[in-house]
Amino acid sequence: MAEYDWNTLSGYRSWVPRPPPEVVEPLPELNTYCLDVLVEQARAGTAHPAACRVAERWLGLDAVARKRLVSQQYLLFSAGFSDLRRWGNVDYTQVGDASEAEYKLQFVTPRAITGAQFVLCYAWSIAGRYANHAPLALGMHPQCARHIAKLTILRMLQLAHRTAGWLRPRWLDAPEVWDDLVHGAVEGGAAHTHAGLQGMRLMVSELAAVVHGGGHKDSG
């Protein structure tokens, strides 16, 4: 895609430019790391059953299909960046206390915390330097981006220990999205492109509903 058409994606915004390399290049490695941690959690029996299915699909792919799956221009995992109850209007010394019961921890191992640090450092960089790309790359609410941009990188690293449990695969309530992504990764070509775009459309539509409708649905 030479550019993103938000009228096509969500019906709310008209256009944002193609993301620069600094936005896109880290995503395959981040997606791969998160999926590998998910496998670890699934084997330990601590992941949601729907997340375990994602882990199984990941394990069933060959190297070429894995490379395609993680190559999408957005994070395949949600870190709650669309939820202002957690990220937008918080006392940064008390991140997430109001909603901990709603978001059960899935990633609790040291490797999972490291993964959360990777994601939060990436999010901090995008929010600070490329905020207009944060909605597409991370499903991030614009107000959330403004708040995160005010934090220091050290604070983001500290927050990873408390927010690692928020990191989980997107669309756990819509397994057909992952079915399409996996099918596209196996087939390549148009199937891969179509599946990736459909995932992007869904993510942006969910975020647009939150931003414009005042809801709290967690798409990112």
C-alpha atoms as a PDB file:
ATOM      1  CA  MET A   1       0.000   0.000   0.000  1.00  0.00           C
ATOM      2  CA  ALA A   2       1.376   3.418  -0.906  1.00  0.00           C
ATOM      3  CA  GLU A   3      -0.847   5.021   1.714  1.00  0.00           C
ATOM      4  CA  TYR A   4      -3.597   4.163   4.183  1.00  0.00           C
ATOM      5  CA  ASP A   5      -7.128   5.167   3.293  1.00  0.00           C
ATOM      6  CA  TRP A   6      -9.055   5.512   6.541  1.00  0.00           C
ATOM      7  CA  ASN A   7     -12.333   5.982   4.686  1.00  0.00           C
ATOM      8  CA  THR A   8     -11.835   2.432   3.453  1.00  0.00           C
ATOM      9  CA  LEU A   9     -10.502   1.153   6.758  1.00  0.00           C
ATOM     10  CA  SER A  10     -12.853   2.746   9.264  1.00  0.00           C
ATOM     11  CA  GLY A  11     -15.045   5.371   7.669  1.00  0.00           C
ATOM     12  CA  TYR A  12     -13.797   8.097   9.989  1.00  0.00           C
ATOM     13  CA  ARG A  13     -10.456   9.466   8.769  1.00  0.00           C
ATOM     14  CA  SER A  14      -9.464  10.025   5.192  1.00  0.00           C
ATOM     15  CA  TRP A  15      -5.722   9.481   4.915  1.00  0.00           C
ATOM     16  CA  VAL A  16      -2.450   8.896   6.720  1.00  0.00           C
ATOM     17  CA  PRO A  17       0.865   8.321   4.924  1.00  0.00           C
ATOM     18  CA  ARG A  18       2.624   5.011   4.582  1.00  0.00           C
ATOM     19  CA  PRO A  19       4.573   4.327   7.791  1.00  0.00           C
ATOM     20  CA  PRO A  20       8.324   4.953   7.776  1.00  0.00           C
ATOM     21  CA  PRO A  21      10.795   2.092   8.307  1.00  0.00           C
ATOM     22  CA  GLU A  22      11.165   2.978  11.992  1.00  0.00           C
ATOM     23  CA  VAL A  23       7.505   2.055  12.493  1.00  0.00           C
ATOM     24  CA  VAL A  24       7.370  -1.080  10.353  1.00  0.00           C
ATOM     25  CA  GLU A  25      10.749  -2.765  10.760  1.00  0.00           C
ATOM     26  CA  PRO A  26      10.450  -3.749  14.465  1.00  0.00           C
ATOM     27  CA  LEU A  27       7.038  -5.381  14.047  1.00  0.00           C
ATOM     28  CA  PRO A  28       8.045  -8.825  12.709  1.00  0.00           C
ATOM     29  CA  GLU A  29      10.449  -9.341  15.589  1.00  0.00           C
ATOM     30  CA  LEU A  30       7.898  -8.113  18.135  1.00  0.00           C
ATOM     31  CA  ASN A  31       5.173 -10.330  16.694  1.00  0.00           C
ATOM     32  CA  THR A  32       7.500 -13.329  16.675  1.00  0.00           C
ATOM     33  CA  TYR A  33       8.570 -12.780  20.268  1.00  0.00           C
ATOM     34  CA  CYS A  34       4.991 -12.398  21.479  1.00  0.00           C
ATOM     35  CA  LEU A  35       3.887 -15.559  19.677  1.00  0.00           C
ATOM     36  CA  ASP A  36       6.799 -17.538  21.117  1.00  0.00           C
ATOM     37  CA  VAL A  37       5.917 -16.332  24.623  1.00  0.00           C
ATOM     38  CA  LEU A  38       2.312 -17.330  23.973  1.00  0.00           C
ATOM     39  CA  VAL A  39       3.506 -20.849  23.170  1.00  0.00           C
ATOM     40  CA  GLU A  40       5.379 -20.885  26.474  1.00  0.00           C
ATOM     41  CA  GLN A  41       2.237 -19.811  28.337  1.00  0.00           C
ATOM     42  CA  ALA A  42       0.068 -22.328  26.496  1.00  0.00           C
ATOM     43  CA  ARG A  43       2.418 -25.148  27.423  1.00  0.00           C
ATOM     44  CA  ALA A  44       2.351 -23.991  31.029  1.00  0.00           C
ATOM     45  CA  GLY A  45      -1.452 -24.053  30.992  1.00  0.00           C
ATOM     46  CA  THR A  46      -1.825 -20.372  31.869  1.00  0.00           C
ATOM     47  CA  ALA A  47      -3.114 -19.013  28.556  1.00  0.00           C
ATOM     48  CA  HIS A  48      -6.752 -18.500  27.593  1.00  0.00           C
ATOM     49  CA  PRO A  49      -8.115 -21.453  25.560  1.00  0.00           C
ATOM     50  CA  ALA A  50      -8.600 -19.221  22.511  1.00  0.00           C
ATOM     51  CA  ALA A  51      -5.012 -18.009  22.876  1.00  0.00           C
ATOM     52  CA  CYS A  52      -3.848 -21.619  23.071  1.00  0.00           C
ATOM     53  CA  ARG A  53      -5.439 -22.194  19.684  1.00  0.00           C
ATOM     54  CA  VAL A  54      -3.414 -19.299  18.264  1.00  0.00           C
ATOM     55  CA  ALA A  55      -0.284 -20.867  19.740  1.00  0.00           C
ATOM     56  CA  GLU A  56      -1.124 -24.197  18.118  1.00  0.00           C
ATOM     57  CA  ARG A  57      -1.600 -22.554  14.750  1.00  0.00           C
ATOM     58  CA  TRP A  58       1.746 -20.770  15.110  1.00  0.00           C
ATOM     59  CA  LEU A  59       3.530 -24.016  15.939  1.00  0.00           C
ATOM     60  CA  GLY A  60       1.973 -25.672  12.891  1.00  0.00           C
ATOM     61  CA  LEU A  61       3.471 -23.196  10.425  1.00  0.00           C
ATOM     62  CA  ASP A  62       6.723 -23.685   8.555  1.00  0.00           C
ATOM     63  CA  ALA A  63       9.414 -21.002   8.524  1.00  0.00           C
ATOM     64  CA  VAL A  64       8.135 -19.297   5.374  1.00  0.00           C
ATOM     65  CA  ALA A  65       4.559 -19.084   6.624  1.00  0.00           C
ATOM     66  CA  ARG A  66       5.741 -17.816  10.013  1.00  0.00           C
ATOM     67  CA  LYS A  67       7.683 -15.052   8.323  1.00  0.00           C
ATOM     68  CA  ARG A  68       4.584 -14.038   6.392  1.00  0.00           C
ATOM     69  CA  LEU A  69       2.329 -14.109   9.455  1.00  0.00           C
ATOM     70  CA  VAL A  70       4.512 -11.780  11.507  1.00  0.00           C
ATOM     71  CA  SER A  71       5.124  -9.390   8.613  1.00  0.00           C
ATOM     72  CA  GLN A  72       1.874  -7.471   9.033  1.00  0.00           C
ATOM     73  CA  GLN A  73       2.271  -3.724   9.517  1.00  0.00           C
ATOM     74  CA  TYR A  74       0.642  -3.838  12.937  1.00  0.00           C
ATOM     75  CA  LEU A  75       1.164  -5.624  16.218  1.00  0.00           C
ATOM     76  CA  LEU A  76      -0.772  -8.884  16.265  1.00  0.00           C
ATOM     77  CA  PHE A  77      -1.122  -8.546  20.030  1.00  0.00           C
ATOM     78  CA  SER A  78      -3.151  -6.111  22.082  1.00  0.00           C
ATOM     79  CA  ALA A  79      -1.554  -4.242  24.976  1.00  0.00           C
ATOM     80  CA  GLY A  80      -4.673  -2.334  25.969  1.00  0.00           C
ATOM     81  CA  PHE A  81      -3.662   0.859  24.198  1.00  0.00           C
ATOM     82  CA  SER A  82      -7.229   1.630  23.142  1.00  0.00           C
ATOM     83  CA  ASP A  83      -8.518   1.565  26.722  1.00  0.00           C
ATOM     84  CA  LEU A  84      -8.261   4.975  28.358  1.00  0.00           C
ATOM     85  CA  ARG A  85      -9.290   3.496  31.694  1.00  0.00           C
ATOM     86  CA  ARG A  86      -5.876   1.883  31.740  1.00  0.00           C
ATOM     87  CA  TRP A  87      -3.626   4.169  29.748  1.00  0.00           C
ATOM     88  CA  GLY A  88      -5.365   7.458  29.088  1.00  0.00           C
ATOM     89  CA  ASN A  89      -6.452   8.934  32.393  1.00  0.00           C
ATOM     90  CA  VAL A  90      -4.319   7.165  34.933  1.00  0.00           C
ATOM     91  CA  ASP A  91      -2.062   8.163  37.779  1.00  0.00           C
ATOM     92  CA  TYR A  92       1.137   6.627  36.451  1.00  0.00           C
ATOM     93  CA  THR A  93       2.005   5.378  39.923  1.00  0.00           C
ATOM     94  CA  GLN A  94      -1.219   3.379  39.902  1.00  0.00           C
ATOM     95  CA  VAL A  95      -1.415   2.032  36.372  1.00  0.00           C
ATOM     96  CA  GLY A  96      -4.293  -0.336  35.829  1.00  0.00           C
ATOM     97  CA  ASP A  97      -5.396  -0.825  39.430  1.00  0.00           C
ATOM     98  CA  ALA A  98      -8.997   0.027  38.583  1.00  0.00           C
ATOM     99  CA  SER A  99      -9.249  -2.711  35.960  1.00  0.00           C
ATOM    100  CA  GLU A 100      -6.904  -5.482  37.112  1.00  0.00           C
ATOM    101  CA  ALA A 101      -9.829  -7.808  37.836  1.00  0.00           C
ATOM    102  CA  GLU A 102     -11.065  -7.441  34.279  1.00  0.00           C
ATOM    103  CA  TYR A 103      -7.723  -8.279  32.676  1.00  0.00           C
ATOM    104  CA  LYS A 104      -6.352 -11.479  34.140  1.00  0.00           C
ATOM    105  CA  LEU A 105      -2.629 -12.019  33.862  1.00  0.00           C
ATOM    106  CA  GLN A 106      -1.581 -14.402  31.134  1.00  0.00           C
ATOM    107  CA  PHE A 107       2.079 -13.485  30.733  1.00  0.00           C
ATOM    108  CA  VAL A 108       3.876 -13.786  34.049  1.00  0.00           C
ATOM    109  CA  THR A 109       7.246 -15.321  33.229  1.00  0.00           C
ATOM    110  CA  PRO A 110      10.477 -13.300  33.071  1.00  0.00           C
ATOM    111  CA  ARG A 111      10.528 -13.784  29.304  1.00  0.00           C
ATOM    112  CA  ALA A 112       6.999 -12.418  29.125  1.00  0.00           C
ATOM    113  CA  ILE A 113       7.977  -9.329  31.083  1.00  0.00           C
ATOM    114  CA  THR A 114      10.862  -8.844  28.663  1.00  0.00           C
ATOM    115  CA  GLY A 115       8.374  -9.066  25.808  1.00  0.00           C
ATOM    116  CA  ALA A 116       6.222  -6.434  27.470  1.00  0.00           C
ATOM    117  CA  GLN A 117       9.279  -4.204  27.802  1.00  0.00           C
ATOM    118  CA  PHE A 118       9.961  -4.600  24.079  1.00  0.00           C
ATOM    119  CA  VAL A 119       6.374  -3.686  23.209  1.00  0.00           C
ATOM    120  CA  LEU A 120       6.186  -0.731  25.586  1.00  0.00           C
ATOM    121  CA  CYS A 121       9.504   0.684  24.410  1.00  0.00           C
ATOM    122  CA  TYR A 122       8.288   0.403  20.823  1.00  0.00           C
ATOM    123  CA  ALA A 123       4.980   2.032  21.801  1.00  0.00           C
ATOM    124  CA  TRP A 124       6.818   4.869  23.556  1.00  0.00           C
ATOM    125  CA  SER A 125       8.925   5.482  20.461  1.00  0.00           C
ATOM    126  CA  ILE A 126       5.920   5.500  18.140  1.00  0.00           C
ATOM    127  CA  ALA A 127       3.823   7.691  20.436  1.00  0.00           C
ATOM    128  CA  GLY A 128       6.618  10.214  20.730  1.00  0.00           C
ATOM    129  CA  ARG A 129       7.880  10.389  17.157  1.00  0.00           C
ATOM    130  CA  TYR A 130       5.202   8.899  14.900  1.00  0.00           C
ATOM    131  CA  ALA A 131       1.940   9.396  16.791  1.00  0.00           C
ATOM    132  CA  ASN A 132      -0.142   9.504  13.613  1.00  0.00           C
ATOM    133  CA  HIS A 133       0.890   5.890  12.952  1.00  0.00           C
ATOM    134  CA  ALA A 134       0.119   4.634  16.469  1.00  0.00           C
ATOM    135  CA  PRO A 135      -3.558   3.792  15.729  1.00  0.00           C
ATOM    136  CA  LEU A 136      -2.629   1.471  12.854  1.00  0.00           C
ATOM    137  CA  ALA A 137       0.557  -0.032  14.240  1.00  0.00           C
ATOM    138  CA  LEU A 138      -0.698  -0.572  17.789  1.00  0.00           C
ATOM    139  CA  GLY A 139      -4.435   0.052  17.867  1.00  0.00           C
ATOM    140  CA  MET A 140      -3.572   3.002  20.102  1.00  0.00           C
ATOM    141  CA  HIS A 141      -6.075   5.663  21.106  1.00  0.00           C
ATOM    142  CA  PRO A 142      -4.747   9.132  20.166  1.00  0.00           C
ATOM    143  CA  GLN A 143      -5.165  10.351  23.746  1.00  0.00           C
ATOM    144  CA  CYS A 144      -3.243   7.325  24.951  1.00  0.00           C
ATOM    145  CA  ALA A 145      -0.427   8.226  22.552  1.00  0.00           C
ATOM    146  CA  ARG A 146      -0.251  11.725  23.976  1.00  0.00           C
ATOM    147  CA  HIS A 147      -0.022  10.423  27.538  1.00  0.00           C
ATOM    148  CA  ILE A 148       2.593   7.792  26.755  1.00  0.00           C
ATOM    149  CA  ALA A 149       4.694  10.322  24.868  1.00  0.00           C
ATOM    150  CA  LYS A 150       5.035  12.301  28.114  1.00  0.00           C
ATOM    151  CA  LEU A 151       6.585   9.377  29.971  1.00  0.00           C
ATOM    152  CA  THR A 152      10.261   8.503  30.086  1.00  0.00           C
ATOM    153  CA  ILE A 153      11.679   5.322  28.618  1.00  0.00           C
ATOM    154  CA  LEU A 154      12.670   4.268  32.137  1.00  0.00           C
ATOM    155  CA  ARG A 155       9.073   4.632  33.315  1.00  0.00           C
ATOM    156  CA  MET A 156       7.862   2.500  30.425  1.00  0.00           C
ATOM    157  CA  LEU A 157      10.333  -0.222  31.364  1.00  0.00           C
ATOM    158  CA  GLN A 158       9.077  -0.091  34.945  1.00  0.00           C
ATOM    159  CA  LEU A 159       5.463  -0.334  33.821  1.00  0.00           C
ATOM    160  CA  ALA A 160       6.168  -3.530  31.894  1.00  0.00           C
ATOM    161  CA  HIS A 161       6.274  -5.510  35.130  1.00  0.00           C
ATOM    162  CA  ARG A 162       2.727  -4.430  35.978  1.00  0.00           C
ATOM    163  CA  THR A 163       1.209  -4.491  32.513  1.00  0.00           C
ATOM    164  CA  ALA A 164       2.651  -7.683  31.047  1.00  0.00           C
ATOM    165  CA  GLY A 165      -0.655  -9.439  31.662  1.00  0.00           C
ATOM    166  CA  TRP A 166      -2.426  -7.065  29.304  1.00  0.00           C
ATOM    167  CA  LEU A 167      -0.483  -8.360  26.316  1.00  0.00           C
ATOM    168  CA  ARG A 168      -2.512 -10.971  24.472  1.00  0.00           C
ATOM    169  CA  PRO A 169      -3.420 -11.941  20.903  1.00  0.00           C
ATOM    170  CA  ARG A 170      -5.954  -9.723  19.219  1.00  0.00           C
ATOM    171  CA  TRP A 171      -9.358 -11.050  18.213  1.00  0.00           C
ATOM    172  CA  LEU A 172      -9.594 -13.886  20.728  1.00  0.00           C
ATOM    173  CA  ASP A 173     -13.378 -13.560  20.412  1.00  0.00           C
ATOM    174  CA  ALA A 174     -13.149 -13.795  16.614  1.00  0.00           C
ATOM    175  CA  PRO A 175     -11.075 -16.899  15.777  1.00  0.00           C
ATOM    176  CA  GLU A 176     -11.990 -16.600  12.112  1.00  0.00           C
ATOM    177  CA  VAL A 177      -9.659 -13.598  11.880  1.00  0.00           C
ATOM    178  CA  TRP A 178      -6.725 -15.756  12.949  1.00  0.00           C
ATOM    179  CA  ASP A 179      -7.913 -18.514  10.635  1.00  0.00           C
ATOM    180  CA  ASP A 180      -7.707 -16.077   7.729  1.00  0.00           C
ATOM    181  CA  LEU A 181      -4.307 -14.733   8.821  1.00  0.00           C
ATOM    182  CA  VAL A 182      -2.883 -18.227   9.085  1.00  0.00           C
ATOM    183  CA  HIS A 183      -4.405 -19.283   5.770  1.00  0.00           C
ATOM    184  CA  GLY A 184      -2.941 -16.178   4.151  1.00  0.00           C
ATOM    185  CA  ALA A 185       0.449 -16.907   5.678  1.00  0.00           C
ATOM    186  CA  VAL A 186       0.391 -20.409   4.212  1.00  0.00           C
ATOM    187  CA  GLU A 187      -0.883 -19.395   0.788  1.00  0.00           C
ATOM    188  CA  GLY A 188       1.024 -16.131   0.402  1.00  0.00           C
ATOM    189  CA  GLY A 189       0.248 -13.686  -2.393  1.00  0.00           C
ATOM    190  CA  ALA A 190      -3.215 -12.165  -2.557  1.00  0.00           C
ATOM    191  CA  ALA A 191      -4.523 -14.319   0.300  1.00  0.00           C
ATOM    192  CA  HIS A 192      -1.840 -12.981   2.613  1.00  0.00           C
ATOM    193  CA  THR A 193      -2.455  -9.371   1.590  1.00  0.00           C
ATOM    194  CA  HIS A 194      -6.220  -9.707   1.918  1.00  0.00           C
ATOM    195  CA  ALA A 195      -6.059 -11.313   5.352  1.00  0.00           C
ATOM    196  CA  GLY A 196      -3.697  -8.659   6.636  1.00  0.00           C
ATOM    197  CA  LEU A 197      -5.874  -5.847   5.353  1.00  0.00           C
ATOM    198  CA  GLN A 198      -8.979  -7.398   6.849  1.00  0.00           C
ATOM    199  CA  GLY A 199      -7.250  -7.590  10.223  1.00  0.00           C
ATOM    200  CA  MET A 200      -6.228  -3.947   9.917  1.00  0.00           C
ATOM    201  CA  ARG A 201      -9.763  -2.922   9.021  1.00  0.00           C
ATOM    202  CA  LEU A 202     -11.167  -4.727  12.025  1.00  0.00           C
ATOM    203  CA  MET A 203      -8.609  -3.228  14.394  1.00  0.00           C
ATOM    204  CA  VAL A 204      -9.168   0.297  13.104  1.00  0.00           C
ATOM    205  CA  SER A 205     -12.949  -0.078  13.100  1.00  0.00           C
ATOM    206  CA  GLU A 206     -12.901  -1.202  16.725  1.00  0.00           C
ATOM    207  CA  LEU A 207     -10.618   1.666  17.684  1.00  0.00           C
ATOM    208  CA  ALA A 208     -12.730   4.169  15.744  1.00  0.00           C
ATOM    209  CA  ALA A 209     -15.813   2.990  17.643  1.00  0.00           C
ATOM    210  CA  VAL A 210     -13.997   3.704  20.909  1.00  0.00           C
ATOM    211  CA  VAL A 211     -12.635   7.084  19.826  1.00  0.00           C
ATOM    212  CA  HIS A 212     -15.842   8.365  18.261  1.00  0.00           C
ATOM    213  CA  GLY A 213     -18.361   6.460  20.344  1.00  0.00           C
ATOM    214  CA  GLY A 214     -16.796   6.825  23.752  1.00  0.00           C
ATOM    215  CA  GLY A 215     -16.775   3.073  24.335  1.00  0.00           C
ATOM    216  CA  HIS A 216     -14.165   0.978  26.102  1.00  0.00           C
ATOM    217  CA  LYS A 217     -13.775  -1.994  23.783  1.00  0.00           C
ATOM    218  CA  ASP A 218     -10.182  -3.184  24.008  1.00  0.00           C
ATOM    219  CA  SER A 219      -8.830  -3.513  20.488  1.00  0.00           C
ATOM    220  CA  GLY A 220      -5.313  -2.507  21.289  1.00  0.00           C
END
